[in-house]
Protein backbone atom coordinates (compact mmCIF):
# COMPACT_ATOMS: atom_id res chain seq x y z
CA UNK A 1 -115.63 32.97 29.45
CA UNK A 2 -115.22 32.26 25.34
CA UNK A 3 -117.20 32.64 22.80
CA UNK A 4 -116.01 30.36 19.17
CA UNK A 5 -111.98 29.93 21.35
CA UNK A 6 -112.16 33.92 21.71
CA UNK A 7 -112.01 35.55 24.44
CA UNK A 8 -114.69 37.79 25.64
CA UNK A 9 -112.51 40.98 25.90
CA UNK A 10 -111.30 39.98 22.19
CA UNK A 11 -114.59 40.23 20.89
CA UNK A 12 -115.24 43.68 22.56
CA UNK A 13 -112.56 44.59 21.04
CA UNK A 14 -113.47 43.59 17.75
CA UNK A 15 -116.40 45.16 18.50
CA UNK A 16 -115.10 48.53 19.18
CA UNK A 17 -112.44 48.78 16.49
CA UNK A 18 -114.02 47.61 13.58
CA UNK A 19 -117.00 50.23 14.20
CA UNK A 20 -114.87 53.05 14.57
CA UNK A 21 -113.03 52.52 11.57
CA UNK A 22 -116.53 51.94 10.06
CA UNK A 23 -117.95 55.00 10.87
CA UNK A 24 -114.36 56.59 9.25
CA UNK A 25 -114.83 54.75 6.34
CA UNK A 26 -118.26 55.02 5.64
CA UNK A 27 -117.65 59.32 6.93
CA UNK A 28 -114.69 59.31 3.99
CA UNK A 29 -116.88 58.23 1.57
CA UNK A 30 -119.56 60.51 2.01
CA UNK A 31 -117.79 63.22 2.62
CA UNK A 32 -116.10 62.38 -1.31
CA UNK A 33 -118.50 61.34 -3.68
CA UNK A 34 -120.86 63.50 -2.15
CA UNK A 35 -119.04 67.13 -0.21
CA UNK A 36 -120.94 67.11 2.83
CA UNK A 37 -120.24 65.88 5.91
CA UNK A 38 -122.83 64.36 8.07
CA UNK A 39 -123.81 63.31 10.72
CA UNK A 40 -123.71 58.94 10.94
CA UNK A 41 -123.72 58.21 14.25
CA UNK A 42 -125.88 54.97 15.41
CA UNK A 43 -127.41 54.46 18.18
CA UNK A 44 -124.07 54.29 20.11
CA UNK A 45 -122.90 57.32 21.33
CA UNK A 46 -119.25 58.70 20.04
CA UNK A 47 -117.89 58.10 16.51
CA UNK A 48 -119.20 54.56 16.70
CA UNK A 49 -121.41 52.26 14.21
CA UNK A 50 -122.02 49.38 15.40
CA UNK A 51 -123.37 47.51 12.53
CA UNK A 52 -119.97 47.21 11.31
CA UNK A 53 -118.73 46.02 14.72
CA UNK A 54 -121.10 43.62 14.97
CA UNK A 55 -120.40 41.97 11.27
CA UNK A 56 -117.31 41.81 12.01
CA UNK A 57 -117.99 40.14 15.25
CA UNK A 58 -120.09 37.99 13.40
CA UNK A 59 -117.74 37.18 10.66
CA UNK A 60 -114.98 36.55 12.27
CA UNK A 61 -116.52 33.90 15.29
CA UNK A 62 -118.05 32.33 12.00
CA UNK A 63 -114.91 32.29 10.78
CA UNK A 64 -113.19 31.17 14.26
CA UNK A 65 -112.92 27.24 12.42
CA UNK A 66 -111.58 27.58 9.04
CA UNK A 67 -108.97 30.13 9.11
CA UNK A 68 -106.42 27.11 8.71
CA UNK A 69 -106.50 26.80 5.59
CA UNK A 70 -106.82 29.95 2.86
CA UNK A 71 -109.25 28.62 0.59
CA UNK A 72 -111.70 27.08 3.20
CA UNK A 73 -111.40 30.44 4.75
CA UNK A 74 -112.89 32.28 1.37
CA UNK A 75 -115.20 29.93 0.57
CA UNK A 76 -116.55 30.38 3.90
CA UNK A 77 -116.18 34.16 3.98
CA UNK A 78 -118.43 33.87 0.54
CA UNK A 79 -121.53 31.84 2.20
CA UNK A 80 -121.33 33.56 5.35
CA UNK A 81 -121.75 37.05 3.54
CA UNK A 82 -123.80 35.09 0.71
CA UNK A 83 -126.01 34.75 3.28
């Protein structure tokens, strides 16, 4: 089964990877800026922040059709992000 030409397992992998990276980056940023280590856990168990995973999956799926042209990808990313 595929969504926007991407398999469900690949979309799930993107979600997990970007949820983890978002958690790490947000925690590191808060540690550097404020000097405290805060719990930034969302409704998922473990070091994951679902909003980053969901945002990455939506961007990847919505921009799949314009990934052939760098200029179209840039403009598409701007339009998707601006909404």
